[in-house]
Amino acid sequence: MHALDLGLFKYMLDYTKDLLYDQCGSQVIQTFEQRLTSIPRYSSLKIIKNISDVMCIIADELRNLMKIIIFAFDNLYEDYRKLGISNKWLCQVYYKFFRMYIATRKELFTNDSCNHLQV
């Protein structure tokens, strides 16, 4: 099973939304949703407009969201009220998750690819 079947990406989005709300307030979430809506539409790219709709979207829409979400998070917030996760670190977490997701979708695994996943 890949990460979408397990619901890990949905969980990450929900957790990130709660984290951003606690750390920065509702204005950051509104800015994030505005960034999602301002991304130009392409025929094969379908993106949700409201991040709270994550629980009722299909796997294809989640894959499309995976393609652009780091760009929407990039420089989303600079200062925050509480000590917590920096914006740069949040983007790095998503980047590492997507690299692992791509690596686990391969049909054949070699010793090198398994060693790479362990790192």
PDB file of N, CA and C in Angstrom:
ATOM      1  N   MET A   1       0.830  -1.186   0.000  1.00  0.00           N
ATOM      2  CA  MET A   1       0.000   0.000   0.000  1.00  0.00           C
ATOM      3  C   MET A   1       0.870   1.243   0.000  1.00  0.00           C
ATOM      4  N   HIS A   2       0.423   2.235  -0.706  1.00  0.00           N
ATOM      5  CA  HIS A   2       1.188   3.467  -0.686  1.00  0.00           C
ATOM      6  C   HIS A   2       0.578   4.447   0.315  1.00  0.00           C
ATOM      7  N   ALA A   3       1.225   5.576   0.487  1.00  0.00           N
ATOM      8  CA  ALA A   3       0.870   6.517   1.548  1.00  0.00           C
ATOM      9  C   ALA A   3      -0.553   7.054   1.407  1.00  0.00           C
ATOM     10  N   LEU A   4      -1.051   7.194   0.181  1.00  0.00           N
ATOM     11  CA  LEU A   4      -2.411   7.697   0.024  1.00  0.00           C
ATOM     12  C   LEU A   4      -3.434   6.691   0.523  1.00  0.00           C
ATOM     13  N   ASP A   5      -3.160   5.393   0.296  1.00  0.00           N
ATOM     14  CA  ASP A   5      -4.075   4.369   0.801  1.00  0.00           C
ATOM     15  C   ASP A   5      -4.129   4.392   2.320  1.00  0.00           C
ATOM     16  N   LEU A   6      -3.021   4.674   2.948  1.00  0.00           N
ATOM     17  CA  LEU A   6      -2.970   4.693   4.402  1.00  0.00           C
ATOM     18  C   LEU A   6      -3.522   5.975   5.003  1.00  0.00           C
ATOM     19  N   GLY A   7      -3.698   6.967   4.184  1.00  0.00           N
ATOM     20  CA  GLY A   7      -4.241   8.222   4.672  1.00  0.00           C
ATOM     21  C   GLY A   7      -3.216   9.098   5.363  1.00  0.00           C
ATOM     22  N   LEU A   8      -1.945   8.824   5.150  1.00  0.00           N
ATOM     23  CA  LEU A   8      -0.909   9.604   5.820  1.00  0.00           C
ATOM     24  C   LEU A   8      -0.896  11.054   5.355  1.00  0.00           C
ATOM     25  N   PHE A   9      -1.109  11.275   4.071  1.00  0.00           N
ATOM     26  CA  PHE A   9      -1.079  12.644   3.568  1.00  0.00           C
ATOM     27  C   PHE A   9      -2.250  13.448   4.115  1.00  0.00           C
ATOM     28  N   LYS A  10      -3.418  12.826   4.191  1.00  0.00           N
ATOM     29  CA  LYS A  10      -4.571  13.517   4.790  1.00  0.00           C
ATOM     30  C   LYS A  10      -4.288  13.856   6.251  1.00  0.00           C
ATOM     31  N   TYR A  11      -3.686  12.918   6.946  1.00  0.00           N
ATOM     32  CA  TYR A  11      -3.346  13.161   8.341  1.00  0.00           C
ATOM     33  C   TYR A  11      -2.341  14.303   8.456  1.00  0.00           C
ATOM     34  N   MET A  12      -1.339  14.319   7.582  1.00  0.00           N
ATOM     35  CA  MET A  12      -0.351  15.396   7.603  1.00  0.00           C
ATOM     36  C   MET A  12      -1.005  16.750   7.368  1.00  0.00           C
ATOM     37  N   LEU A  13      -1.937  16.806   6.430  1.00  0.00           N
ATOM     38  CA  LEU A  13      -2.621  18.074   6.149  1.00  0.00           C
ATOM     39  C   LEU A  13      -3.455  18.534   7.339  1.00  0.00           C
ATOM     40  N   ASP A  14      -4.181  17.616   7.937  1.00  0.00           N
ATOM     41  CA  ASP A  14      -4.987  17.969   9.114  1.00  0.00           C
ATOM     42  C   ASP A  14      -4.093  18.440  10.255  1.00  0.00           C
ATOM     43  N   TYR A  15      -3.026  17.712  10.497  1.00  0.00           N
ATOM     44  CA  TYR A  15      -2.110  18.083  11.569  1.00  0.00           C
ATOM     45  C   TYR A  15      -1.458  19.439  11.284  1.00  0.00           C
ATOM     46  N   THR A  16      -1.051  19.662  10.042  1.00  0.00           N
ATOM     47  CA  THR A  16      -0.426  20.932   9.680  1.00  0.00           C
ATOM     48  C   THR A  16      -1.408  22.081   9.830  1.00  0.00           C
ATOM     49  N   LYS A  17      -2.642  21.854   9.436  1.00  0.00           N
ATOM     50  CA  LYS A  17      -3.663  22.901   9.580  1.00  0.00           C
ATOM     51  C   LYS A  17      -3.861  23.260  11.046  1.00  0.00           C
ATOM     52  N   ASP A  18      -3.956  22.261  11.923  1.00  0.00           N
ATOM     53  CA  ASP A  18      -4.102  22.517  13.356  1.00  0.00           C
ATOM     54  C   ASP A  18      -2.859  23.198  13.919  1.00  0.00           C
ATOM     55  N   LEU A  19      -1.703  22.767  13.478  1.00  0.00           N
ATOM     56  CA  LEU A  19      -0.446  23.360  13.935  1.00  0.00           C
ATOM     57  C   LEU A  19      -0.360  24.828  13.530  1.00  0.00           C
ATOM     58  N   LEU A  20      -0.687  25.123  12.285  1.00  0.00           N
ATOM     59  CA  LEU A  20      -0.645  26.508  11.814  1.00  0.00           C
ATOM     60  C   LEU A  20      -1.655  27.373  12.551  1.00  0.00           C
ATOM     61  N   TYR A  21      -2.828  26.827  12.832  1.00  0.00           N
ATOM     62  CA  TYR A  21      -3.840  27.594  13.554  1.00  0.00           C
ATOM     63  C   TYR A  21      -3.367  27.902  14.972  1.00  0.00           C
ATOM     64  N   ASP A  22      -2.804  26.912  15.657  1.00  0.00           N
ATOM     65  CA  ASP A  22      -2.321  27.124  17.022  1.00  0.00           C
ATOM     66  C   ASP A  22      -1.125  28.057  17.060  1.00  0.00           C
ATOM     67  N   GLN A  23      -0.263  27.927  16.075  1.00  0.00           N
ATOM     68  CA  GLN A  23       0.990  28.664  16.081  1.00  0.00           C
ATOM     69  C   GLN A  23       0.845  30.088  15.544  1.00  0.00           C
ATOM     70  N   CYS A  24       0.014  30.269  14.521  1.00  0.00           N
ATOM     71  CA  CYS A  24      -0.037  31.562  13.829  1.00  0.00           C
ATOM     72  C   CYS A  24      -1.428  32.181  13.750  1.00  0.00           C
ATOM     73  N   GLY A  25      -2.462  31.430  14.013  1.00  0.00           N
ATOM     74  CA  GLY A  25      -3.810  31.974  13.926  1.00  0.00           C
ATOM     75  C   GLY A  25      -4.476  31.650  12.600  1.00  0.00           C
ATOM     76  N   SER A  26      -5.712  32.094  12.482  1.00  0.00           N
ATOM     77  CA  SER A  26      -6.507  31.744  11.301  1.00  0.00           C
ATOM     78  C   SER A  26      -6.089  32.506  10.054  1.00  0.00           C
ATOM     79  N   GLN A  27      -5.405  33.611  10.212  1.00  0.00           N
ATOM     80  CA  GLN A  27      -5.005  34.397   9.046  1.00  0.00           C
ATOM     81  C   GLN A  27      -4.034  33.630   8.153  1.00  0.00           C
ATOM     82  N   VAL A  28      -3.155  32.827   8.749  1.00  0.00           N
ATOM     83  CA  VAL A  28      -2.203  32.040   7.965  1.00  0.00           C
ATOM     84  C   VAL A  28      -2.929  30.981   7.151  1.00  0.00           C
ATOM     85  N   ILE A  29      -3.951  30.370   7.714  1.00  0.00           N
ATOM     86  CA  ILE A  29      -4.713  29.362   6.983  1.00  0.00           C
ATOM     87  C   ILE A  29      -5.466  30.016   5.831  1.00  0.00           C
ATOM     88  N   GLN A  30      -5.997  31.204   6.048  1.00  0.00           N
ATOM     89  CA  GLN A  30      -6.664  31.931   4.962  1.00  0.00           C
ATOM     90  C   GLN A  30      -5.686  32.276   3.852  1.00  0.00           C
ATOM     91  N   THR A  31      -4.469  32.691   4.221  1.00  0.00           N
ATOM     92  CA  THR A  31      -3.445  32.994   3.226  1.00  0.00           C
ATOM     93  C   THR A  31      -3.080  31.743   2.441  1.00  0.00           C
ATOM     94  N   PHE A  32      -2.966  30.611   3.140  1.00  0.00           N
ATOM     95  CA  PHE A  32      -2.665  29.344   2.475  1.00  0.00           C
ATOM     96  C   PHE A  32      -3.758  28.980   1.481  1.00  0.00           C
ATOM     97  N   GLU A  33      -5.026  29.116   1.875  1.00  0.00           N
ATOM     98  CA  GLU A  33      -6.130  28.802   0.978  1.00  0.00           C
ATOM     99  C   GLU A  33      -6.177  29.758  -0.206  1.00  0.00           C
ATOM    100  N   GLN A  34      -5.821  31.024   0.017  1.00  0.00           N
ATOM    101  CA  GLN A  34      -5.754  31.978  -1.091  1.00  0.00           C
ATOM    102  C   GLN A  34      -4.665  31.584  -2.079  1.00  0.00           C
ATOM    103  N   ARG A  35      -3.552  31.093  -1.560  1.00  0.00           N
ATOM    104  CA  ARG A  35      -2.480  30.638  -2.445  1.00  0.00           C
ATOM    105  C   ARG A  35      -2.930  29.444  -3.281  1.00  0.00           C
ATOM    106  N   LEU A  36      -3.690  28.544  -2.673  1.00  0.00           N
ATOM    107  CA  LEU A  36      -4.195  27.394  -3.418  1.00  0.00           C
ATOM    108  C   LEU A  36      -5.121  27.840  -4.543  1.00  0.00           C
ATOM    109  N   THR A  37      -5.974  28.814  -4.276  1.00  0.00           N
ATOM    110  CA  THR A  37      -6.916  29.267  -5.300  1.00  0.00           C
ATOM    111  C   THR A  37      -6.245  30.109  -6.376  1.00  0.00           C
ATOM    112  N   SER A  38      -5.094  30.697  -6.073  1.00  0.00           N
ATOM    113  CA  SER A  38      -4.437  31.546  -7.070  1.00  0.00           C
ATOM    114  C   SER A  38      -3.524  30.771  -8.015  1.00  0.00           C
ATOM    115  N   ILE A  39      -3.352  29.478  -7.795  1.00  0.00           N
ATOM    116  CA  ILE A  39      -2.531  28.664  -8.698  1.00  0.00           C
ATOM    117  C   ILE A  39      -3.292  28.490 -10.005  1.00  0.00           C
ATOM    118  N   PRO A  40      -2.622  28.773 -11.129  1.00  0.00           N
ATOM    119  CA  PRO A  40      -3.309  28.642 -12.425  1.00  0.00           C
ATOM    120  C   PRO A  40      -3.813  27.220 -12.646  1.00  0.00           C
ATOM    121  N   ARG A  41      -4.959  27.110 -13.251  1.00  0.00           N
ATOM    122  CA  ARG A  41      -5.573  25.812 -13.510  1.00  0.00           C
ATOM    123  C   ARG A  41      -5.081  25.247 -14.836  1.00  0.00           C
ATOM    124  N   TYR A  42      -4.781  23.975 -14.822  1.00  0.00           N
ATOM    125  CA  TYR A  42      -4.414  23.243 -16.015  1.00  0.00           C
ATOM    126  C   TYR A  42      -5.383  22.093 -16.161  1.00  0.00           C
ATOM    127  N   SER A  43      -5.472  21.550 -17.350  1.00  0.00           N
ATOM    128  CA  SER A  43      -6.479  20.519 -17.597  1.00  0.00           C
ATOM    129  C   SER A  43      -6.297  19.292 -16.713  1.00  0.00           C
ATOM    130  N   SER A  44      -5.061  18.919 -16.412  1.00  0.00           N
ATOM    131  CA  SER A  44      -4.848  17.715 -15.597  1.00  0.00           C
ATOM    132  C   SER A  44      -4.577  18.034 -14.130  1.00  0.00           C
ATOM    133  N   LEU A  45      -4.635  19.296 -13.752  1.00  0.00           N
ATOM    134  CA  LEU A  45      -4.360  19.692 -12.371  1.00  0.00           C
ATOM    135  C   LEU A  45      -5.640  20.205 -11.728  1.00  0.00           C
ATOM    136  N   LYS A  46      -6.188  19.428 -10.807  1.00  0.00           N
ATOM    137  CA  LYS A  46      -7.400  19.817 -10.092  1.00  0.00           C
ATOM    138  C   LYS A  46      -7.040  19.974  -8.625  1.00  0.00           C
ATOM    139  N   ILE A  47      -7.267  21.156  -8.085  1.00  0.00           N
ATOM    140  CA  ILE A  47      -6.867  21.455  -6.713  1.00  0.00           C
ATOM    141  C   ILE A  47      -8.093  21.911  -5.930  1.00  0.00           C
ATOM    142  N   ILE A  48      -8.180  21.452  -4.693  1.00  0.00           N
ATOM    143  CA  ILE A  48      -9.272  21.889  -3.838  1.00  0.00           C
ATOM    144  C   ILE A  48      -9.066  23.356  -3.463  1.00  0.00           C
ATOM    145  N   LYS A  49     -10.150  24.057  -3.234  1.00  0.00           N
ATOM    146  CA  LYS A  49     -10.052  25.474  -2.891  1.00  0.00           C
ATOM    147  C   LYS A  49     -10.049  25.708  -1.393  1.00  0.00           C
ATOM    148  N   ASN A  50     -10.533  24.749  -0.650  1.00  0.00           N
ATOM    149  CA  ASN A  50     -10.636  24.921   0.796  1.00  0.00           C
ATOM    150  C   ASN A  50      -9.947  23.738   1.465  1.00  0.00           C
ATOM    151  N   ILE A  51      -8.952  24.025   2.257  1.00  0.00           N
ATOM    152  CA  ILE A  51      -8.165  22.959   2.891  1.00  0.00           C
ATOM    153  C   ILE A  51      -9.000  22.146   3.879  1.00  0.00           C
ATOM    154  N   SER A  52     -10.110  22.687   4.348  1.00  0.00           N
ATOM    155  CA  SER A  52     -10.953  21.927   5.271  1.00  0.00           C
ATOM    156  C   SER A  52     -11.725  20.819   4.557  1.00  0.00           C
ATOM    157  N   ASP A  53     -11.721  20.818   3.217  1.00  0.00           N
ATOM    158  CA  ASP A  53     -12.404  19.783   2.444  1.00  0.00           C
ATOM    159  C   ASP A  53     -11.539  18.550   2.207  1.00  0.00           C
ATOM    160  N   VAL A  54     -10.431  18.421   2.921  1.00  0.00           N
ATOM    161  CA  VAL A  54      -9.486  17.332   2.685  1.00  0.00           C
ATOM    162  C   VAL A  54     -10.137  15.969   2.899  1.00  0.00           C
ATOM    163  N   MET A  55     -11.046  15.848   3.814  1.00  0.00           N
ATOM    164  CA  MET A  55     -11.618  14.541   4.137  1.00  0.00           C
ATOM    165  C   MET A  55     -12.545  14.008   3.048  1.00  0.00           C
ATOM    166  N   CYS A  56     -13.000  14.869   2.140  1.00  0.00           N
ATOM    167  CA  CYS A  56     -13.948  14.392   1.134  1.00  0.00           C
ATOM    168  C   CYS A  56     -13.398  14.505  -0.291  1.00  0.00           C
ATOM    169  N   ILE A  57     -12.083  14.393  -0.451  1.00  0.00           N
ATOM    170  CA  ILE A  57     -11.519  14.446  -1.789  1.00  0.00           C
ATOM    171  C   ILE A  57     -10.978  13.076  -2.175  1.00  0.00           C
ATOM    172  N   ILE A  58     -10.805  12.895  -3.467  1.00  0.00           N
ATOM    173  CA  ILE A  58     -10.372  11.596  -3.974  1.00  0.00           C
ATOM    174  C   ILE A  58      -8.843  11.564  -4.089  1.00  0.00           C
ATOM    175  N   ALA A  59      -8.310  10.370  -4.339  1.00  0.00           N
ATOM    176  CA  ALA A  59      -6.860  10.180  -4.365  1.00  0.00           C
ATOM    177  C   ALA A  59      -6.202  10.993  -5.470  1.00  0.00           C
ATOM    178  N   ASP A  60      -6.849  11.152  -6.615  1.00  0.00           N
ATOM    179  CA  ASP A  60      -6.266  11.933  -7.709  1.00  0.00           C
ATOM    180  C   ASP A  60      -6.090  13.392  -7.299  1.00  0.00           C
ATOM    181  N   GLU A  61      -7.071  13.941  -6.593  1.00  0.00           N
ATOM    182  CA  GLU A  61      -6.959  15.324  -6.121  1.00  0.00           C
ATOM    183  C   GLU A  61      -5.862  15.454  -5.070  1.00  0.00           C
ATOM    184  N   LEU A  62      -5.695  14.435  -4.241  1.00  0.00           N
ATOM    185  CA  LEU A  62      -4.614  14.463  -3.260  1.00  0.00           C
ATOM    186  C   LEU A  62      -3.252  14.427  -3.950  1.00  0.00           C
ATOM    187  N   ARG A  63      -3.121  13.623  -4.991  1.00  0.00           N
ATOM    188  CA  ARG A  63      -1.856  13.585  -5.728  1.00  0.00           C
ATOM    189  C   ARG A  63      -1.563  14.937  -6.368  1.00  0.00           C
ATOM    190  N   ASN A  64      -2.592  15.579  -6.893  1.00  0.00           N
ATOM    191  CA  ASN A  64      -2.400  16.915  -7.461  1.00  0.00           C
ATOM    192  C   ASN A  64      -2.012  17.922  -6.384  1.00  0.00           C
ATOM    193  N   LEU A  65      -2.600  17.798  -5.223  1.00  0.00           N
ATOM    194  CA  LEU A  65      -2.255  18.687  -4.114  1.00  0.00           C
ATOM    195  C   LEU A  65      -0.819  18.452  -3.663  1.00  0.00           C
ATOM    196  N   MET A  66      -0.376  17.207  -3.723  1.00  0.00           N
ATOM    197  CA  MET A  66       1.006  16.894  -3.363  1.00  0.00           C
ATOM    198  C   MET A  66       1.993  17.602  -4.289  1.00  0.00           C
ATOM    199  N   LYS A  67       1.604  17.805  -5.528  1.00  0.00           N
ATOM    200  CA  LYS A  67       2.493  18.437  -6.500  1.00  0.00           C
ATOM    201  C   LYS A  67       2.760  19.905  -6.187  1.00  0.00           C
ATOM    202  N   ILE A  68       1.827  20.583  -5.548  1.00  0.00           N
ATOM    203  CA  ILE A  68       1.954  22.033  -5.395  1.00  0.00           C
ATOM    204  C   ILE A  68       1.996  22.519  -3.948  1.00  0.00           C
ATOM    205  N   ILE A  69       1.795  21.644  -2.990  1.00  0.00           N
ATOM    206  CA  ILE A  69       1.620  22.109  -1.619  1.00  0.00           C
ATOM    207  C   ILE A  69       2.868  22.757  -1.027  1.00  0.00           C
ATOM    208  N   ILE A  70       4.044  22.299  -1.404  1.00  0.00           N
ATOM    209  CA  ILE A  70       5.264  22.918  -0.876  1.00  0.00           C
ATOM    210  C   ILE A  70       5.363  24.363  -1.347  1.00  0.00           C
ATOM    211  N   PHE A  71       4.936  24.623  -2.579  1.00  0.00           N
ATOM    212  CA  PHE A  71       4.961  25.995  -3.087  1.00  0.00           C
ATOM    213  C   PHE A  71       3.965  26.877  -2.340  1.00  0.00           C
ATOM    214  N   ALA A  72       2.858  26.295  -1.913  1.00  0.00           N
ATOM    215  CA  ALA A  72       1.879  27.069  -1.152  1.00  0.00           C
ATOM    216  C   ALA A  72       2.361  27.321   0.276  1.00  0.00           C
ATOM    217  N   PHE A  73       3.135  26.403   0.834  1.00  0.00           N
ATOM    218  CA  PHE A  73       3.678  26.585   2.186  1.00  0.00           C
ATOM    219  C   PHE A  73       4.901  27.499   2.219  1.00  0.00           C
ATOM    220  N   ASP A  74       5.619  27.601   1.118  1.00  0.00           N
ATOM    221  CA  ASP A  74       6.868  28.350   1.078  1.00  0.00           C
ATOM    222  C   ASP A  74       6.634  29.823   1.446  1.00  0.00           C
ATOM    223  N   ASN A  75       7.374  30.291   2.436  1.00  0.00           N
ATOM    224  CA  ASN A  75       7.267  31.670   2.941  1.00  0.00           C
ATOM    225  C   ASN A  75       5.841  32.035   3.355  1.00  0.00           C
ATOM    226  N   LEU A  76       5.128  31.089   3.895  1.00  0.00           N
ATOM    227  CA  LEU A  76       3.756  31.334   4.341  1.00  0.00           C
ATOM    228  C   LEU A  76       3.730  32.199   5.592  1.00  0.00           C
ATOM    229  N   TYR A  77       4.641  31.952   6.483  1.00  0.00           N
ATOM    230  CA  TYR A  77       4.735  32.759   7.696  1.00  0.00           C
ATOM    231  C   TYR A  77       6.190  32.908   8.072  1.00  0.00           C
ATOM    232  N   GLU A  78       6.505  34.022   8.651  1.00  0.00           N
ATOM    233  CA  GLU A  78       7.881  34.281   9.096  1.00  0.00           C
ATOM    234  C   GLU A  78       7.958  34.260  10.614  1.00  0.00           C
ATOM    235  N   ASP A  79       7.164  35.083  11.242  1.00  0.00           N
ATOM    236  CA  ASP A  79       7.175  35.133  12.701  1.00  0.00           C
ATOM    237  C   ASP A  79       5.895  34.486  13.222  1.00  0.00           C
ATOM    238  N   TYR A  80       5.983  33.910  14.364  1.00  0.00           N
ATOM    239  CA  TYR A  80       4.823  33.263  14.960  1.00  0.00           C
ATOM    240  C   TYR A  80       4.840  33.524  16.454  1.00  0.00           C
ATOM    241  N   ARG A  81       3.651  33.421  17.035  1.00  0.00           N
ATOM    242  CA  ARG A  81       3.480  33.785  18.443  1.00  0.00           C
ATOM    243  C   ARG A  81       4.202  32.844  19.388  1.00  0.00           C
ATOM    244  N   LYS A  82       4.018  31.576  19.208  1.00  0.00           N
ATOM    245  CA  LYS A  82       4.597  30.584  20.101  1.00  0.00           C
ATOM    246  C   LYS A  82       5.852  29.990  19.461  1.00  0.00           C
ATOM    247  N   LEU A  83       6.703  29.473  20.301  1.00  0.00           N
ATOM    248  CA  LEU A  83       7.832  28.728  19.755  1.00  0.00           C
ATOM    249  C   LEU A  83       7.290  27.476  19.102  1.00  0.00           C
ATOM    250  N   GLY A  84       7.771  27.206  17.946  1.00  0.00           N
ATOM    251  CA  GLY A  84       7.252  26.042  17.244  1.00  0.00           C
ATOM    252  C   GLY A  84       8.047  25.768  15.992  1.00  0.00           C
ATOM    253  N   ILE A  85       7.369  25.249  15.006  1.00  0.00           N
ATOM    254  CA  ILE A  85       8.003  24.818  13.768  1.00  0.00           C
ATOM    255  C   ILE A  85       8.170  26.015  12.831  1.00  0.00           C
ATOM    256  N   SER A  86       9.385  26.174  12.325  1.00  0.00           N
ATOM    257  CA  SER A  86       9.621  27.252  11.370  1.00  0.00           C
ATOM    258  C   SER A  86       9.047  26.862  10.018  1.00  0.00           C
ATOM    259  N   ASN A  87       8.819  27.849   9.195  1.00  0.00           N
ATOM    260  CA  ASN A  87       8.253  27.606   7.874  1.00  0.00           C
ATOM    261  C   ASN A  87       9.208  26.783   7.013  1.00  0.00           C
ATOM    262  N   LYS A  88      10.486  27.039   7.114  1.00  0.00           N
ATOM    263  CA  LYS A  88      11.483  26.297   6.344  1.00  0.00           C
ATOM    264  C   LYS A  88      11.477  24.819   6.745  1.00  0.00           C
ATOM    265  N   TRP A  89      11.387  24.563   8.035  1.00  0.00           N
ATOM    266  CA  TRP A  89      11.391  23.184   8.516  1.00  0.00           C
ATOM    267  C   TRP A  89      10.127  22.454   8.064  1.00  0.00           C
ATOM    268  N   LEU A  90       8.997  23.135   8.071  1.00  0.00           N
ATOM    269  CA  LEU A  90       7.745  22.535   7.622  1.00  0.00           C
ATOM    270  C   LEU A  90       7.845  22.116   6.157  1.00  0.00           C
ATOM    271  N   CYS A  91       8.412  22.960   5.323  1.00  0.00           N
ATOM    272  CA  CYS A  91       8.594  22.616   3.910  1.00  0.00           C
ATOM    273  C   CYS A  91       9.538  21.435   3.752  1.00  0.00           C
ATOM    274  N   GLN A  92      10.577  21.360   4.568  1.00  0.00           N
ATOM    275  CA  GLN A  92      11.512  20.240   4.493  1.00  0.00           C
ATOM    276  C   GLN A  92      10.850  18.929   4.893  1.00  0.00           C
ATOM    277  N   VAL A  93       9.968  18.957   5.874  1.00  0.00           N
ATOM    278  CA  VAL A  93       9.251  17.747   6.289  1.00  0.00           C
ATOM    279  C   VAL A  93       8.399  17.223   5.139  1.00  0.00           C
ATOM    280  N   TYR A  94       7.676  18.116   4.472  1.00  0.00           N
ATOM    281  CA  TYR A  94       6.855  17.700   3.337  1.00  0.00           C
ATOM    282  C   TYR A  94       7.721  17.194   2.189  1.00  0.00           C
ATOM    283  N   TYR A  95       8.845  17.845   1.941  1.00  0.00           N
ATOM    284  CA  TYR A  95       9.746  17.419   0.878  1.00  0.00           C
ATOM    285  C   TYR A  95      10.261  15.999   1.138  1.00  0.00           C
ATOM    286  N   LYS A  96      10.675  15.727   2.368  1.00  0.00           N
ATOM    287  CA  LYS A  96      11.163  14.385   2.701  1.00  0.00           C
ATOM    288  C   LYS A  96      10.053  13.345   2.595  1.00  0.00           C
ATOM    289  N   PHE A  97       8.858  13.707   3.006  1.00  0.00           N
ATOM    290  CA  PHE A  97       7.726  12.790   2.896  1.00  0.00           C
ATOM    291  C   PHE A  97       7.460  12.448   1.431  1.00  0.00           C
ATOM    292  N   PHE A  98       7.496  13.449   0.554  1.00  0.00           N
ATOM    293  CA  PHE A  98       7.228  13.200  -0.858  1.00  0.00           C
ATOM    294  C   PHE A  98       8.323  12.365  -1.503  1.00  0.00           C
ATOM    295  N   ARG A  99       9.563  12.563  -1.086  1.00  0.00           N
ATOM    296  CA  ARG A  99      10.650  11.728  -1.613  1.00  0.00           C
ATOM    297  C   ARG A  99      10.457  10.279  -1.191  1.00  0.00           C
ATOM    298  N   MET A 100      10.051  10.052   0.052  1.00  0.00           N
ATOM    299  CA  MET A 100       9.782   8.687   0.519  1.00  0.00           C
ATOM    300  C   MET A 100       8.586   8.097  -0.225  1.00  0.00           C
ATOM    301  N   TYR A 101       7.572   8.902  -0.445  1.00  0.00           N
ATOM    302  CA  TYR A 101       6.381   8.445  -1.161  1.00  0.00           C
ATOM    303  C   TYR A 101       6.743   7.996  -2.575  1.00  0.00           C
ATOM    304  N   ILE A 102       7.547   8.803  -3.264  1.00  0.00           N
ATOM    305  CA  ILE A 102       7.954   8.460  -4.625  1.00  0.00           C
ATOM    306  C   ILE A 102       8.809   7.196  -4.629  1.00  0.00           C
ATOM    307  N   ALA A 103       9.704   7.082  -3.667  1.00  0.00           N
ATOM    308  CA  ALA A 103      10.581   5.911  -3.600  1.00  0.00           C
ATOM    309  C   ALA A 103       9.797   4.627  -3.329  1.00  0.00           C
ATOM    310  N   THR A 104       8.731   4.698  -2.560  1.00  0.00           N
ATOM    311  CA  THR A 104       7.966   3.496  -2.232  1.00  0.00           C
ATOM    312  C   THR A 104       6.978   3.108  -3.324  1.00  0.00           C
ATOM    313  N   ARG A 105       6.787   3.936  -4.324  1.00  0.00           N
ATOM    314  CA  ARG A 105       5.858   3.614  -5.403  1.00  0.00           C
ATOM    315  C   ARG A 105       6.511   2.821  -6.513  1.00  0.00           C
ATOM    316  N   LYS A 106       7.796   2.553  -6.418  1.00  0.00           N
ATOM    317  CA  LYS A 106       8.490   1.784  -7.445  1.00  0.00           C
ATOM    318  C   LYS A 106       7.990   0.346  -7.434  1.00  0.00           C
ATOM    319  N   GLU A 107       8.065  -0.278  -8.588  1.00  0.00           N
ATOM    320  CA  GLU A 107       7.627  -1.663  -8.693  1.00  0.00           C
ATOM    321  C   GLU A 107       8.692  -2.642  -8.229  1.00  0.00           C
ATOM    322  N   LEU A 108       9.952  -2.318  -8.483  1.00  0.00           N
ATOM    323  CA  LEU A 108      11.058  -3.186  -8.094  1.00  0.00           C
ATOM    324  C   LEU A 108      11.997  -2.416  -7.172  1.00  0.00           C
ATOM    325  N   PHE A 109      12.492  -3.105  -6.183  1.00  0.00           N
ATOM    326  CA  PHE A 109      13.427  -2.495  -5.254  1.00  0.00           C
ATOM    327  C   PHE A 109      14.771  -3.203  -5.353  1.00  0.00           C
ATOM    328  N   THR A 110      15.815  -2.414  -5.390  1.00  0.00           N
ATOM    329  CA  THR A 110      17.175  -2.959  -5.366  1.00  0.00           C
ATOM    330  C   THR A 110      17.739  -2.739  -3.966  1.00  0.00           C
ATOM    331  N   ASN A 111      18.893  -3.312  -3.721  1.00  0.00           N
ATOM    332  CA  ASN A 111      19.541  -3.095  -2.426  1.00  0.00           C
ATOM    333  C   ASN A 111      19.856  -1.617  -2.209  1.00  0.00           C
ATOM    334  N   ASP A 112      20.263  -0.930  -3.288  1.00  0.00           N
ATOM    335  CA  ASP A 112      20.562   0.505  -3.173  1.00  0.00           C
ATOM    336  C   ASP A 112      19.314   1.310  -2.811  1.00  0.00           C
ATOM    337  N   SER A 113      18.193   0.986  -3.436  1.00  0.00           N
ATOM    338  CA  SER A 113      16.980   1.744  -3.134  1.00  0.00           C
ATOM    339  C   SER A 113      16.491   1.459  -1.717  1.00  0.00           C
ATOM    340  N   CYS A 114      16.658   0.244  -1.239  1.00  0.00           N
ATOM    341  CA  CYS A 114      16.278  -0.076   0.147  1.00  0.00           C
ATOM    342  C   CYS A 114      17.194   0.645   1.134  1.00  0.00           C
ATOM    343  N   ASN A 115      18.491   0.687   0.827  1.00  0.00           N
ATOM    344  CA  ASN A 115      19.425   1.427   1.688  1.00  0.00           C
ATOM    345  C   ASN A 115      19.099   2.912   1.677  1.00  0.00           C
ATOM    346  N   HIS A 116      18.699   3.428   0.527  1.00  0.00           N
ATOM    347  CA  HIS A 116      18.336   4.840   0.436  1.00  0.00           C
ATOM    348  C   HIS A 116      17.108   5.151   1.299  1.00  0.00           C
ATOM    349  N   LEU A 117      16.144   4.244   1.319  1.00  0.00           N
ATOM    350  CA  LEU A 117      14.957   4.432   2.150  1.00  0.00           C
ATOM    351  C   LEU A 117      15.292   4.381   3.639  1.00  0.00           C
ATOM    352  N   GLN A 118      16.247   3.558   4.014  1.00  0.00           N
ATOM    353  CA  GLN A 118      16.627   3.485   5.416  1.00  0.00           C
ATOM    354  C   GLN A 118      17.235   4.786   5.908  1.00  0.00           C
ATOM    355  N   VAL A 119      17.958   5.474   5.026  1.00  0.00           N
ATOM    356  CA  VAL A 119      18.565   6.748   5.396  1.00  0.00           C
ATOM    357  C   VAL A 119      17.476   7.770   5.549  1.00  0.00           C
TER     358      VAL A 119
END
